[in-house]
Amino acid sequence: IIVDEEGKEYFFTLDKVEGYQGQTVQALR
């Protein structure tokens, strides 16, 4: 979940993240 500058929440999936290739969140830091 992302919160924008106005406080609105947006759900996202990791496949929408630039450069994501299946790594764990911990590995990506």
mmCIF file of all heavy atoms, coordinates in Angstrom:
data_MODEL
# 
_entry.id   MODEL 
# 
loop_
_atom_site.group_PDB 
_atom_site.id 
_atom_site.type_symbol 
_atom_site.label_atom_id 
_atom_site.label_alt_id 
_atom_site.label_comp_id 
_atom_site.label_asym_id 
_atom_site.label_entity_id 
_atom_site.label_seq_id 
_atom_site.pdbx_PDB_ins_code 
_atom_site.Cartn_x 
_atom_site.Cartn_y 
_atom_site.Cartn_z 
_atom_site.occupancy 
_atom_site.B_iso_or_equiv 
_atom_site.pdbx_formal_charge 
_atom_site.auth_seq_id 
_atom_site.auth_comp_id 
_atom_site.auth_asym_id 
_atom_site.auth_atom_id 
_atom_site.pdbx_PDB_model_num 
ATOM 1   N N   . ILE A 1 1  ? 0.856  -1.180  0.000   1.00 0.00 ? 1  ILE A N   1 
ATOM 2   C CA  . ILE A 1 1  ? 0.000  0.000   0.000   1.00 0.00 ? 1  ILE A CA  1 
ATOM 3   C C   . ILE A 1 1  ? 0.893  1.231   0.000   1.00 0.00 ? 1  ILE A C   1 
ATOM 4   O O   . ILE A 1 1  ? 1.857  1.311   0.758   1.00 0.00 ? 1  ILE A O   1 
ATOM 5   C CB  . ILE A 1 1  ? -0.928 0.024   1.229   1.00 0.00 ? 1  ILE A CB  1 
ATOM 6   C CG1 . ILE A 1 1  ? -1.876 -1.180  1.183   1.00 0.00 ? 1  ILE A CG1 1 
ATOM 7   C CG2 . ILE A 1 1  ? -1.719 1.334   1.292   1.00 0.00 ? 1  ILE A CG2 1 
ATOM 8   C CD1 . ILE A 1 1  ? -2.719 -1.351  2.416   1.00 0.00 ? 1  ILE A CD1 1 
ATOM 9   N N   . ILE A 1 2  ? 0.561  2.175   -0.873  1.00 0.00 ? 2  ILE A N   1 
ATOM 10  C CA  . ILE A 1 2  ? 1.254  3.457   -0.962  1.00 0.00 ? 2  ILE A CA  1 
ATOM 11  C C   . ILE A 1 2  ? 0.310  4.526   -0.424  1.00 0.00 ? 2  ILE A C   1 
ATOM 12  O O   . ILE A 1 2  ? -0.886 4.484   -0.682  1.00 0.00 ? 2  ILE A O   1 
ATOM 13  C CB  . ILE A 1 2  ? 1.609  3.787   -2.424  1.00 0.00 ? 2  ILE A CB  1 
ATOM 14  C CG1 . ILE A 1 2  ? 2.629  2.792   -2.975  1.00 0.00 ? 2  ILE A CG1 1 
ATOM 15  C CG2 . ILE A 1 2  ? 2.138  5.220   -2.545  1.00 0.00 ? 2  ILE A CG2 1 
ATOM 16  C CD1 . ILE A 1 2  ? 2.835  2.911   -4.475  1.00 0.00 ? 2  ILE A CD1 1 
ATOM 17  N N   . VAL A 1 3  ? 0.869  5.502   0.300   1.00 0.00 ? 3  VAL A N   1 
ATOM 18  C CA  . VAL A 1 3  ? 0.103  6.676   0.727   1.00 0.00 ? 3  VAL A CA  1 
ATOM 19  C C   . VAL A 1 3  ? 0.671  7.872   -0.013  1.00 0.00 ? 3  VAL A C   1 
ATOM 20  O O   . VAL A 1 3  ? 1.885  8.099   -0.003  1.00 0.00 ? 3  VAL A O   1 
ATOM 21  C CB  . VAL A 1 3  ? 0.202  6.888   2.254   1.00 0.00 ? 3  VAL A CB  1 
ATOM 22  C CG1 . VAL A 1 3  ? -0.514 8.167   2.661   1.00 0.00 ? 3  VAL A CG1 1 
ATOM 23  C CG2 . VAL A 1 3  ? -0.360 5.702   3.002   1.00 0.00 ? 3  VAL A CG2 1 
ATOM 24  N N   . ASP A 1 4  ? -0.220 8.633   -0.674  1.00 0.00 ? 4  ASP A N   1 
ATOM 25  C CA  . ASP A 1 4  ? 0.253  9.797   -1.419  1.00 0.00 ? 4  ASP A CA  1 
ATOM 26  C C   . ASP A 1 4  ? 0.358  11.021  -0.508  1.00 0.00 ? 4  ASP A C   1 
ATOM 27  O O   . ASP A 1 4  ? 0.098  10.941  0.692   1.00 0.00 ? 4  ASP A O   1 
ATOM 28  C CB  . ASP A 1 4  ? -0.618 10.068  -2.651  1.00 0.00 ? 4  ASP A CB  1 
ATOM 29  C CG  . ASP A 1 4  ? -2.013 10.589  -2.335  1.00 0.00 ? 4  ASP A CG  1 
ATOM 30  O OD1 . ASP A 1 4  ? -2.310 10.892  -1.163  1.00 0.00 ? 4  ASP A OD1 1 
ATOM 31  O OD2 . ASP A 1 4  ? -2.820 10.697  -3.282  1.00 0.00 ? 4  ASP A OD2 1 
ATOM 32  N N   . GLU A 1 5  ? 0.716  12.145  -1.091  1.00 0.00 ? 5  GLU A N   1 
ATOM 33  C CA  . GLU A 1 5  ? 0.933  13.385  -0.334  1.00 0.00 ? 5  GLU A CA  1 
ATOM 34  C C   . GLU A 1 5  ? -0.341 13.908  0.318   1.00 0.00 ? 5  GLU A C   1 
ATOM 35  O O   . GLU A 1 5  ? -0.278 14.700  1.245   1.00 0.00 ? 5  GLU A O   1 
ATOM 36  C CB  . GLU A 1 5  ? 1.530  14.450  -1.249  1.00 0.00 ? 5  GLU A CB  1 
ATOM 37  C CG  . GLU A 1 5  ? 2.917  14.078  -1.742  1.00 0.00 ? 5  GLU A CG  1 
ATOM 38  C CD  . GLU A 1 5  ? 3.443  15.025  -2.797  1.00 0.00 ? 5  GLU A CD  1 
ATOM 39  O OE1 . GLU A 1 5  ? 2.789  15.166  -3.846  1.00 0.00 ? 5  GLU A OE1 1 
ATOM 40  O OE2 . GLU A 1 5  ? 4.514  15.612  -2.554  1.00 0.00 ? 5  GLU A OE2 1 
ATOM 41  N N   . GLU A 1 6  ? -1.494 13.466  -0.163  1.00 0.00 ? 6  GLU A N   1 
ATOM 42  C CA  . GLU A 1 6  ? -2.772 13.904  0.399   1.00 0.00 ? 6  GLU A CA  1 
ATOM 43  C C   . GLU A 1 6  ? -3.314 12.916  1.430   1.00 0.00 ? 6  GLU A C   1 
ATOM 44  O O   . GLU A 1 6  ? -4.390 13.111  1.980   1.00 0.00 ? 6  GLU A O   1 
ATOM 45  C CB  . GLU A 1 6  ? -3.783 14.094  -0.729  1.00 0.00 ? 6  GLU A CB  1 
ATOM 46  C CG  . GLU A 1 6  ? -3.357 15.159  -1.713  1.00 0.00 ? 6  GLU A CG  1 
ATOM 47  C CD  . GLU A 1 6  ? -4.178 15.145  -2.993  1.00 0.00 ? 6  GLU A CD  1 
ATOM 48  O OE1 . GLU A 1 6  ? -5.017 14.244  -3.171  1.00 0.00 ? 6  GLU A OE1 1 
ATOM 49  O OE2 . GLU A 1 6  ? -3.958 16.039  -3.817  1.00 0.00 ? 6  GLU A OE2 1 
ATOM 50  N N   . GLY A 1 7  ? -2.587 11.818  1.658   1.00 0.00 ? 7  GLY A N   1 
ATOM 51  C CA  . GLY A 1 7  ? -3.017 10.818  2.627   1.00 0.00 ? 7  GLY A CA  1 
ATOM 52  C C   . GLY A 1 7  ? -3.908 9.727   2.057   1.00 0.00 ? 7  GLY A C   1 
ATOM 53  O O   . GLY A 1 7  ? -4.388 8.871   2.788   1.00 0.00 ? 7  GLY A O   1 
ATOM 54  N N   . LYS A 1 8  ? -4.107 9.729   0.752   1.00 0.00 ? 8  LYS A N   1 
ATOM 55  C CA  . LYS A 1 8  ? -4.933 8.699   0.110   1.00 0.00 ? 8  LYS A CA  1 
ATOM 56  C C   . LYS A 1 8  ? -4.107 7.425   -0.092  1.00 0.00 ? 8  LYS A C   1 
ATOM 57  O O   . LYS A 1 8  ? -2.945 7.492   -0.484  1.00 0.00 ? 8  LYS A O   1 
ATOM 58  C CB  . LYS A 1 8  ? -5.456 9.200   -1.235  1.00 0.00 ? 8  LYS A CB  1 
ATOM 59  C CG  . LYS A 1 8  ? -6.425 8.254   -1.879  1.00 0.00 ? 8  LYS A CG  1 
ATOM 60  C CD  . LYS A 1 8  ? -7.053 8.863   -3.108  1.00 0.00 ? 8  LYS A CD  1 
ATOM 61  C CE  . LYS A 1 8  ? -8.017 7.845   -3.738  1.00 0.00 ? 8  LYS A CE  1 
ATOM 62  N NZ  . LYS A 1 8  ? -8.596 8.364   -4.965  1.00 0.00 ? 8  LYS A NZ  1 
ATOM 63  N N   . GLU A 1 9  ? -4.723 6.258   0.183   1.00 0.00 ? 9  GLU A N   1 
ATOM 64  C CA  . GLU A 1 9  ? -4.036 4.981   0.054   1.00 0.00 ? 9  GLU A CA  1 
ATOM 65  C C   . GLU A 1 9  ? -4.300 4.347   -1.301  1.00 0.00 ? 9  GLU A C   1 
ATOM 66  O O   . GLU A 1 9  ? -5.406 4.427   -1.826  1.00 0.00 ? 9  GLU A O   1 
ATOM 67  C CB  . GLU A 1 9  ? -4.495 4.024   1.158   1.00 0.00 ? 9  GLU A CB  1 
ATOM 68  C CG  . GLU A 1 9  ? -4.076 4.456   2.537   1.00 0.00 ? 9  GLU A CG  1 
ATOM 69  C CD  . GLU A 1 9  ? -4.456 3.446   3.604   1.00 0.00 ? 9  GLU A CD  1 
ATOM 70  O OE1 . GLU A 1 9  ? -5.208 2.484   3.321   1.00 0.00 ? 9  GLU A OE1 1 
ATOM 71  O OE2 . GLU A 1 9  ? -3.986 3.625   4.738   1.00 0.00 ? 9  GLU A OE2 1 
ATOM 72  N N   . TYR A 1 10 ? -3.255 3.696   -1.825  1.00 0.00 ? 10 TYR A N   1 
ATOM 73  C CA  . TYR A 1 10 ? -3.342 2.994   -3.103  1.00 0.00 ? 10 TYR A CA  1 
ATOM 74  C C   . TYR A 1 10 ? -2.740 1.608   -2.949  1.00 0.00 ? 10 TYR A C   1 
ATOM 75  O O   . TYR A 1 10 ? -1.601 1.459   -2.531  1.00 0.00 ? 10 TYR A O   1 
ATOM 76  C CB  . TYR A 1 10 ? -2.561 3.740   -4.196  1.00 0.00 ? 10 TYR A CB  1 
ATOM 77  C CG  . TYR A 1 10 ? -3.109 5.101   -4.507  1.00 0.00 ? 10 TYR A CG  1 
ATOM 78  C CD1 . TYR A 1 10 ? -2.676 6.218   -3.808  1.00 0.00 ? 10 TYR A CD1 1 
ATOM 79  C CD2 . TYR A 1 10 ? -4.068 5.264   -5.502  1.00 0.00 ? 10 TYR A CD2 1 
ATOM 80  C CE1 . TYR A 1 10 ? -3.187 7.475   -4.089  1.00 0.00 ? 10 TYR A CE1 1 
ATOM 81  C CE2 . TYR A 1 10 ? -4.574 6.525   -5.792  1.00 0.00 ? 10 TYR A CE2 1 
ATOM 82  C CZ  . TYR A 1 10 ? -4.136 7.613   -5.088  1.00 0.00 ? 10 TYR A CZ  1 
ATOM 83  O OH  . TYR A 1 10 ? -4.647 8.855   -5.369  1.00 0.00 ? 10 TYR A OH  1 
ATOM 84  N N   . PHE A 1 11 ? -3.493 0.581   -3.315  1.00 0.00 ? 11 PHE A N   1 
ATOM 85  C CA  . PHE A 1 11 ? -3.028 -0.801  -3.323  1.00 0.00 ? 11 PHE A CA  1 
ATOM 86  C C   . PHE A 1 11 ? -2.181 -1.006  -4.574  1.00 0.00 ? 11 PHE A C   1 
ATOM 87  O O   . PHE A 1 11 ? -2.513 -0.504  -5.638  1.00 0.00 ? 11 PHE A O   1 
ATOM 88  C CB  . PHE A 1 11 ? -4.249 -1.735  -3.352  1.00 0.00 ? 11 PHE A CB  1 
ATOM 89  C CG  . PHE A 1 11 ? -3.906 -3.189  -3.460  1.00 0.00 ? 11 PHE A CG  1 
ATOM 90  C CD1 . PHE A 1 11 ? -3.614 -3.924  -2.327  1.00 0.00 ? 11 PHE A CD1 1 
ATOM 91  C CD2 . PHE A 1 11 ? -3.879 -3.819  -4.692  1.00 0.00 ? 11 PHE A CD2 1 
ATOM 92  C CE1 . PHE A 1 11 ? -3.302 -5.269  -2.419  1.00 0.00 ? 11 PHE A CE1 1 
ATOM 93  C CE2 . PHE A 1 11 ? -3.566 -5.157  -4.800  1.00 0.00 ? 11 PHE A CE2 1 
ATOM 94  C CZ  . PHE A 1 11 ? -3.273 -5.890  -3.661  1.00 0.00 ? 11 PHE A CZ  1 
ATOM 95  N N   . PHE A 1 12 ? -1.066 -1.750  -4.442  1.00 0.00 ? 12 PHE A N   1 
ATOM 96  C CA  . PHE A 1 12 ? -0.271 -2.077  -5.623  1.00 0.00 ? 12 PHE A CA  1 
ATOM 97  C C   . PHE A 1 12 ? 0.275  -3.489  -5.500  1.00 0.00 ? 12 PHE A C   1 
ATOM 98  O O   . PHE A 1 12 ? 0.389  -4.031  -4.408  1.00 0.00 ? 12 PHE A O   1 
ATOM 99  C CB  . PHE A 1 12 ? 0.877  -1.070  -5.829  1.00 0.00 ? 12 PHE A CB  1 
ATOM 100 C CG  . PHE A 1 12 ? 2.002  -1.187  -4.832  1.00 0.00 ? 12 PHE A CG  1 
ATOM 101 C CD1 . PHE A 1 12 ? 3.172  -1.865  -5.153  1.00 0.00 ? 12 PHE A CD1 1 
ATOM 102 C CD2 . PHE A 1 12 ? 1.898  -0.616  -3.574  1.00 0.00 ? 12 PHE A CD2 1 
ATOM 103 C CE1 . PHE A 1 12 ? 4.212  -1.973  -4.239  1.00 0.00 ? 12 PHE A CE1 1 
ATOM 104 C CE2 . PHE A 1 12 ? 2.936  -0.709  -2.648  1.00 0.00 ? 12 PHE A CE2 1 
ATOM 105 C CZ  . PHE A 1 12 ? 4.094  -1.390  -2.993  1.00 0.00 ? 12 PHE A CZ  1 
ATOM 106 N N   . THR A 1 13 ? 0.592  -4.079  -6.629  1.00 0.00 ? 13 THR A N   1 
ATOM 107 C CA  . THR A 1 13 ? 1.241  -5.385  -6.643  1.00 0.00 ? 13 THR A CA  1 
ATOM 108 C C   . THR A 1 13 ? 2.698  -5.186  -7.037  1.00 0.00 ? 13 THR A C   1 
ATOM 109 O O   . THR A 1 13 ? 3.039  -4.245  -7.762  1.00 0.00 ? 13 THR A O   1 
ATOM 110 C CB  . THR A 1 13 ? 0.538  -6.341  -7.619  1.00 0.00 ? 13 THR A CB  1 
ATOM 111 O OG1 . THR A 1 13 ? 0.477  -5.734  -8.906  1.00 0.00 ? 13 THR A OG1 1 
ATOM 112 C CG2 . THR A 1 13 ? -0.873 -6.676  -7.129  1.00 0.00 ? 13 THR A CG2 1 
ATOM 113 N N   . LEU A 1 14 ? 3.564  -6.068  -6.554  1.00 0.00 ? 14 LEU A N   1 
ATOM 114 C CA  . LEU A 1 14 ? 5.001  -5.897  -6.768  1.00 0.00 ? 14 LEU A CA  1 
ATOM 115 C C   . LEU A 1 14 ? 5.387  -5.956  -8.245  1.00 0.00 ? 14 LEU A C   1 
ATOM 116 O O   . LEU A 1 14 ? 6.403  -5.383  -8.633  1.00 0.00 ? 14 LEU A O   1 
ATOM 117 C CB  . LEU A 1 14 ? 5.787  -6.931  -5.969  1.00 0.00 ? 14 LEU A CB  1 
ATOM 118 C CG  . LEU A 1 14 ? 5.663  -6.819  -4.444  1.00 0.00 ? 14 LEU A CG  1 
ATOM 119 C CD1 . LEU A 1 14 ? 6.548  -7.847  -3.758  1.00 0.00 ? 14 LEU A CD1 1 
ATOM 120 C CD2 . LEU A 1 14 ? 6.004  -5.424  -3.946  1.00 0.00 ? 14 LEU A CD2 1 
ATOM 121 N N   . ASP A 1 15 ? 4.591  -6.613  -9.078  1.00 0.00 ? 15 ASP A N   1 
ATOM 122 C CA  . ASP A 1 15 ? 4.917  -6.662  -10.503 1.00 0.00 ? 15 ASP A CA  1 
ATOM 123 C C   . ASP A 1 15 ? 4.835  -5.288  -11.170 1.00 0.00 ? 15 ASP A C   1 
ATOM 124 O O   . ASP A 1 15 ? 5.343  -5.109  -12.277 1.00 0.00 ? 15 ASP A O   1 
ATOM 125 C CB  . ASP A 1 15 ? 4.034  -7.668  -11.242 1.00 0.00 ? 15 ASP A CB  1 
ATOM 126 C CG  . ASP A 1 15 ? 2.561  -7.306  -11.230 1.00 0.00 ? 15 ASP A CG  1 
ATOM 127 O OD1 . ASP A 1 15 ? 2.061  -6.805  -10.206 1.00 0.00 ? 15 ASP A OD1 1 
ATOM 128 O OD2 . ASP A 1 15 ? 1.905  -7.528  -12.268 1.00 0.00 ? 15 ASP A OD2 1 
ATOM 129 N N   . LYS A 1 16 ? 4.256  -4.303  -10.499 1.00 0.00 ? 16 LYS A N   1 
ATOM 130 C CA  . LYS A 1 16 ? 4.179  -2.932  -11.039 1.00 0.00 ? 16 LYS A CA  1 
ATOM 131 C C   . LYS A 1 16 ? 5.421  -2.109  -10.694 1.00 0.00 ? 16 LYS A C   1 
ATOM 132 O O   . LYS A 1 16 ? 5.588  -0.997  -11.182 1.00 0.00 ? 16 LYS A O   1 
ATOM 133 C CB  . LYS A 1 16 ? 2.949  -2.203  -10.481 1.00 0.00 ? 16 LYS A CB  1 
ATOM 134 C CG  . LYS A 1 16 ? 1.638  -2.887  -10.787 1.00 0.00 ? 16 LYS A CG  1 
ATOM 135 C CD  . LYS A 1 16 ? 1.357  -2.910  -12.258 1.00 0.00 ? 16 LYS A CD  1 
ATOM 136 C CE  . LYS A 1 16 ? -0.017 -3.505  -12.515 1.00 0.00 ? 16 LYS A CE  1 
ATOM 137 N NZ  . LYS A 1 16 ? -0.161 -4.025  -13.837 1.00 0.00 ? 16 LYS A NZ  1 
ATOM 138 N N   . VAL A 1 17 ? 6.305  -2.660  -9.849  1.00 0.00 ? 17 VAL A N   1 
ATOM 139 C CA  . VAL A 1 17 ? 7.496  -1.931  -9.397  1.00 0.00 ? 17 VAL A CA  1 
ATOM 140 C C   . VAL A 1 17 ? 8.618  -2.073  -10.418 1.00 0.00 ? 17 VAL A C   1 
ATOM 141 O O   . VAL A 1 17 ? 8.977  -3.192  -10.822 1.00 0.00 ? 17 VAL A O   1 
ATOM 142 C CB  . VAL A 1 17 ? 7.969  -2.423  -8.014  1.00 0.00 ? 17 VAL A CB  1 
ATOM 143 C CG1 . VAL A 1 17 ? 9.227  -1.679  -7.575  1.00 0.00 ? 17 VAL A CG1 1 
ATOM 144 C CG2 . VAL A 1 17 ? 6.864  -2.259  -6.978  1.00 0.00 ? 17 VAL A CG2 1 
ATOM 145 N N   . GLU A 1 18 ? 9.155  -0.930  -10.815 1.00 0.00 ? 18 GLU A N   1 
ATOM 146 C CA  . GLU A 1 18 ? 10.261 -0.888  -11.774 1.00 0.00 ? 18 GLU A CA  1 
ATOM 147 C C   . GLU A 1 18 ? 11.441 -1.720  -11.253 1.00 0.00 ? 18 GLU A C   1 
ATOM 148 O O   . GLU A 1 18 ? 11.898 -1.534  -10.128 1.00 0.00 ? 18 GLU A O   1 
ATOM 149 C CB  . GLU A 1 18 ? 10.683 0.571   -11.945 1.00 0.00 ? 18 GLU A CB  1 
ATOM 150 C CG  . GLU A 1 18 ? 11.789 0.806   -12.929 1.00 0.00 ? 18 GLU A CG  1 
ATOM 151 C CD  . GLU A 1 18 ? 12.129 2.283   -13.026 1.00 0.00 ? 18 GLU A CD  1 
ATOM 152 O OE1 . GLU A 1 18 ? 11.249 3.065   -13.438 1.00 0.00 ? 18 GLU A OE1 1 
ATOM 153 O OE2 . GLU A 1 18 ? 13.258 2.650   -12.660 1.00 0.00 ? 18 GLU A OE2 1 
ATOM 154 N N   . GLY A 1 19 ? 11.925 -2.650  -12.070 1.00 0.00 ? 19 GLY A N   1 
ATOM 155 C CA  . GLY A 1 19 ? 13.100 -3.447  -11.721 1.00 0.00 ? 19 GLY A CA  1 
ATOM 156 C C   . GLY A 1 19 ? 12.813 -4.690  -10.892 1.00 0.00 ? 19 GLY A C   1 
ATOM 157 O O   . GLY A 1 19 ? 13.721 -5.477  -10.627 1.00 0.00 ? 19 GLY A O   1 
ATOM 158 N N   . TYR A 1 20 ? 11.577 -4.906  -10.492 1.00 0.00 ? 20 TYR A N   1 
ATOM 159 C CA  . TYR A 1 20 ? 11.239 -6.080  -9.671  1.00 0.00 ? 20 TYR A CA  1 
ATOM 160 C C   . TYR A 1 20 ? 11.299 -7.346  -10.520 1.00 0.00 ? 20 TYR A C   1 
ATOM 161 O O   . TYR A 1 20 ? 10.728 -7.405  -11.592 1.00 0.00 ? 20 TYR A O   1 
ATOM 162 C CB  . TYR A 1 20 ? 9.844  -5.926  -9.066  1.00 0.00 ? 20 TYR A CB  1 
ATOM 163 C CG  . TYR A 1 20 ? 9.415  -7.123  -8.255  1.00 0.00 ? 20 TYR A CG  1 
ATOM 164 C CD1 . TYR A 1 20 ? 10.006 -7.394  -7.032  1.00 0.00 ? 20 TYR A CD1 1 
ATOM 165 C CD2 . TYR A 1 20 ? 8.436  -7.985  -8.726  1.00 0.00 ? 20 TYR A CD2 1 
ATOM 166 C CE1 . TYR A 1 20 ? 9.626  -8.503  -6.282  1.00 0.00 ? 20 TYR A CE1 1 
ATOM 167 C CE2 . TYR A 1 20 ? 8.046  -9.089  -7.988  1.00 0.00 ? 20 TYR A CE2 1 
ATOM 168 C CZ  . TYR A 1 20 ? 8.646  -9.341  -6.772  1.00 0.00 ? 20 TYR A CZ  1 
ATOM 169 O OH  . TYR A 1 20 ? 8.266  -10.431 -6.039  1.00 0.00 ? 20 TYR A OH  1 
ATOM 170 N N   . GLN A 1 21 ? 12.019 -8.372  -9.997  1.00 0.00 ? 21 GLN A N   1 
ATOM 171 C CA  . GLN A 1 21 ? 12.177 -9.622  -10.736 1.00 0.00 ? 21 GLN A CA  1 
ATOM 172 C C   . GLN A 1 21 ? 11.942 -10.831 -9.828  1.00 0.00 ? 21 GLN A C   1 
ATOM 173 O O   . GLN A 1 21 ? 12.599 -11.853 -9.980  1.00 0.00 ? 21 GLN A O   1 
ATOM 174 C CB  . GLN A 1 21 ? 13.559 -9.698  -11.366 1.00 0.00 ? 21 GLN A CB  1 
ATOM 175 C CG  . GLN A 1 21 ? 13.797 -8.606  -12.382 1.00 0.00 ? 21 GLN A CG  1 
ATOM 176 C CD  . GLN A 1 21 ? 15.194 -8.647  -12.964 1.00 0.00 ? 21 GLN A CD  1 
ATOM 177 O OE1 . GLN A 1 21 ? 16.144 -9.122  -12.336 1.00 0.00 ? 21 GLN A OE1 1 
ATOM 178 N NE2 . GLN A 1 21 ? 15.340 -8.139  -14.172 1.00 0.00 ? 21 GLN A NE2 1 
ATOM 179 N N   . GLY A 1 22 ? 11.032 -10.708 -8.876  1.00 0.00 ? 22 GLY A N   1 
ATOM 180 C CA  . GLY A 1 22 ? 10.694 -11.837 -8.025  1.00 0.00 ? 22 GLY A CA  1 
ATOM 181 C C   . GLY A 1 22 ? 11.494 -11.951 -6.742  1.00 0.00 ? 22 GLY A C   1 
ATOM 182 O O   . GLY A 1 22 ? 11.310 -12.903 -5.982  1.00 0.00 ? 22 GLY A O   1 
ATOM 183 N N   . GLN A 1 23 ? 12.367 -10.987 -6.469  1.00 0.00 ? 23 GLN A N   1 
ATOM 184 C CA  . GLN A 1 23 ? 13.150 -11.013 -5.246  1.00 0.00 ? 23 GLN A CA  1 
ATOM 185 C C   . GLN A 1 23 ? 12.241 -10.808 -4.033  1.00 0.00 ? 23 GLN A C   1 
ATOM 186 O O   . GLN A 1 23 ? 11.147 -10.296 -4.148  1.00 0.00 ? 23 GLN A O   1 
ATOM 187 C CB  . GLN A 1 23 ? 14.209 -9.897  -5.238  1.00 0.00 ? 23 GLN A CB  1 
ATOM 188 C CG  . GLN A 1 23 ? 15.073 -9.804  -6.454  1.00 0.00 ? 23 GLN A CG  1 
ATOM 189 C CD  . GLN A 1 23 ? 14.543 -8.835  -7.496  1.00 0.00 ? 23 GLN A CD  1 
ATOM 190 O OE1 . GLN A 1 23 ? 13.366 -8.821  -7.831  1.00 0.00 ? 23 GLN A OE1 1 
ATOM 191 N NE2 . GLN A 1 23 ? 15.435 -8.020  -8.045  1.00 0.00 ? 23 GLN A NE2 1 
ATOM 192 N N   . THR A 1 24 ? 12.745 -11.179 -2.851  1.00 0.00 ? 24 THR A N   1 
ATOM 193 C CA  . THR A 1 24 ? 11.995 -10.895 -1.631  1.00 0.00 ? 24 THR A CA  1 
ATOM 194 C C   . THR A 1 24 ? 12.129 -9.413  -1.307  1.00 0.00 ? 24 THR A C   1 
ATOM 195 O O   . THR A 1 24 ? 13.083 -8.744  -1.723  1.00 0.00 ? 24 THR A O   1 
ATOM 196 C CB  . THR A 1 24 ? 12.517 -11.696 -0.423  1.00 0.00 ? 24 THR A CB  1 
ATOM 197 O OG1 . THR A 1 24 ? 13.851 -11.269 -0.126  1.00 0.00 ? 24 THR A OG1 1 
ATOM 198 C CG2 . THR A 1 24 ? 12.478 -13.196 -0.684  1.00 0.00 ? 24 THR A CG2 1 
ATOM 199 N N   . VAL A 1 25 ? 11.169 -8.915  -0.558  1.00 0.00 ? 25 VAL A N   1 
ATOM 200 C CA  . VAL A 1 25 ? 11.194 -7.522  -0.128  1.00 0.00 ? 25 VAL A CA  1 
ATOM 201 C C   . VAL A 1 25 ? 12.448 -7.260  0.706   1.00 0.00 ? 25 VAL A C   1 
ATOM 202 O O   . VAL A 1 25 ? 13.099 -6.221  0.564   1.00 0.00 ? 25 VAL A O   1 
ATOM 203 C CB  . VAL A 1 25 ? 9.906  -7.181  0.659   1.00 0.00 ? 25 VAL A CB  1 
ATOM 204 C CG1 . VAL A 1 25 ? 9.991  -5.813  1.284   1.00 0.00 ? 25 VAL A CG1 1 
ATOM 205 C CG2 . VAL A 1 25 ? 8.692  -7.293  -0.244  1.00 0.00 ? 25 VAL A CG2 1 
ATOM 206 N N   . GLN A 1 26 ? 12.828 -8.217  1.552   1.00 0.00 ? 26 GLN A N   1 
ATOM 207 C CA  . GLN A 1 26 ? 14.027 -8.055  2.381   1.00 0.00 ? 26 GLN A CA  1 
ATOM 208 C C   . GLN A 1 26 ? 15.288 -7.947  1.525   1.00 0.00 ? 26 GLN A C   1 
ATOM 209 O O   . GLN A 1 26 ? 16.163 -7.137  1.806   1.00 0.00 ? 26 GLN A O   1 
ATOM 210 C CB  . GLN A 1 26 ? 14.169 -9.222  3.375   1.00 0.00 ? 26 GLN A CB  1 
ATOM 211 C CG  . GLN A 1 26 ? 13.191 -9.184  4.495   1.00 0.00 ? 26 GLN A CG  1 
ATOM 212 C CD  . GLN A 1 26 ? 11.832 -9.798  4.118   1.00 0.00 ? 26 GLN A CD  1 
ATOM 213 O OE1 . GLN A 1 26 ? 11.674 -10.395 3.056   1.00 0.00 ? 26 GLN A OE1 1 
ATOM 214 N NE2 . GLN A 1 26 ? 10.854 -9.629  4.973   1.00 0.00 ? 26 GLN A NE2 1 
ATOM 215 N N   . ALA A 1 27 ? 15.380 -8.757  0.483   1.00 0.00 ? 27 ALA A N   1 
ATOM 216 C CA  . ALA A 1 27 ? 16.553 -8.708  -0.399  1.00 0.00 ? 27 ALA A CA  1 
ATOM 217 C C   . ALA A 1 27 ? 16.659 -7.356  -1.104  1.00 0.00 ? 27 ALA A C   1 
ATOM 218 O O   . ALA A 1 27 ? 17.751 -6.856  -1.347  1.00 0.00 ? 27 ALA A O   1 
ATOM 219 C CB  . ALA A 1 27 ? 16.501 -9.842  -1.418  1.00 0.00 ? 27 ALA A CB  1 
ATOM 220 N N   . LEU A 1 28 ? 15.511 -6.779  -1.424  1.00 0.00 ? 28 LEU A N   1 
ATOM 221 C CA  . LEU A 1 28 ? 15.490 -5.484  -2.105  1.00 0.00 ? 28 LEU A CA  1 
ATOM 222 C C   . LEU A 1 28 ? 15.651 -4.312  -1.139  1.00 0.00 ? 28 LEU A C   1 
ATOM 223 O O   . LEU A 1 28 ? 15.861 -3.181  -1.558  1.00 0.00 ? 28 LEU A O   1 
ATOM 224 C CB  . LEU A 1 28 ? 14.176 -5.327  -2.872  1.00 0.00 ? 28 LEU A CB  1 
ATOM 225 C CG  . LEU A 1 28 ? 14.016 -6.301  -4.025  1.00 0.00 ? 28 LEU A CG  1 
ATOM 226 C CD1 . LEU A 1 28 ? 12.571 -6.323  -4.498  1.00 0.00 ? 28 LEU A CD1 1 
ATOM 227 C CD2 . LEU A 1 28 ? 14.942 -5.949  -5.166  1.00 0.00 ? 28 LEU A CD2 1 
ATOM 228 N N   . ARG A 1 29 ? 15.522 -4.608  0.159   1.00 0.00 ? 29 ARG A N   1 
ATOM 229 C CA  . ARG A 1 29 ? 15.627 -3.598  1.216   1.00 0.00 ? 29 ARG A CA  1 
ATOM 230 C C   . ARG A 1 29 ? 14.539 -2.534  1.124   1.00 0.00 ? 29 ARG A C   1 
ATOM 231 O O   . ARG A 1 29 ? 14.751 -1.379  1.457   1.00 0.00 ? 29 ARG A O   1 
ATOM 232 C CB  . ARG A 1 29 ? 17.014 -2.965  1.242   1.00 0.00 ? 29 ARG A CB  1 
ATOM 233 C CG  . ARG A 1 29 ? 18.089 -3.947  1.567   1.00 0.00 ? 29 ARG A CG  1 
ATOM 234 C CD  . ARG A 1 29 ? 19.427 -3.287  1.661   1.00 0.00 ? 29 ARG A CD  1 
ATOM 235 N NE  . ARG A 1 29 ? 20.404 -4.273  2.098   1.00 0.00 ? 29 ARG A NE  1 
ATOM 236 C CZ  . ARG A 1 29 ? 21.614 -3.980  2.446   1.00 0.00 ? 29 ARG A CZ  1 
ATOM 237 N NH1 . ARG A 1 29 ? 22.032 -2.744  2.386   1.00 0.00 ? 29 ARG A NH1 1 
ATOM 238 N NH2 . ARG A 1 29 ? 22.435 -4.922  2.846   1.00 0.00 ? 29 ARG A NH2 1 
# 
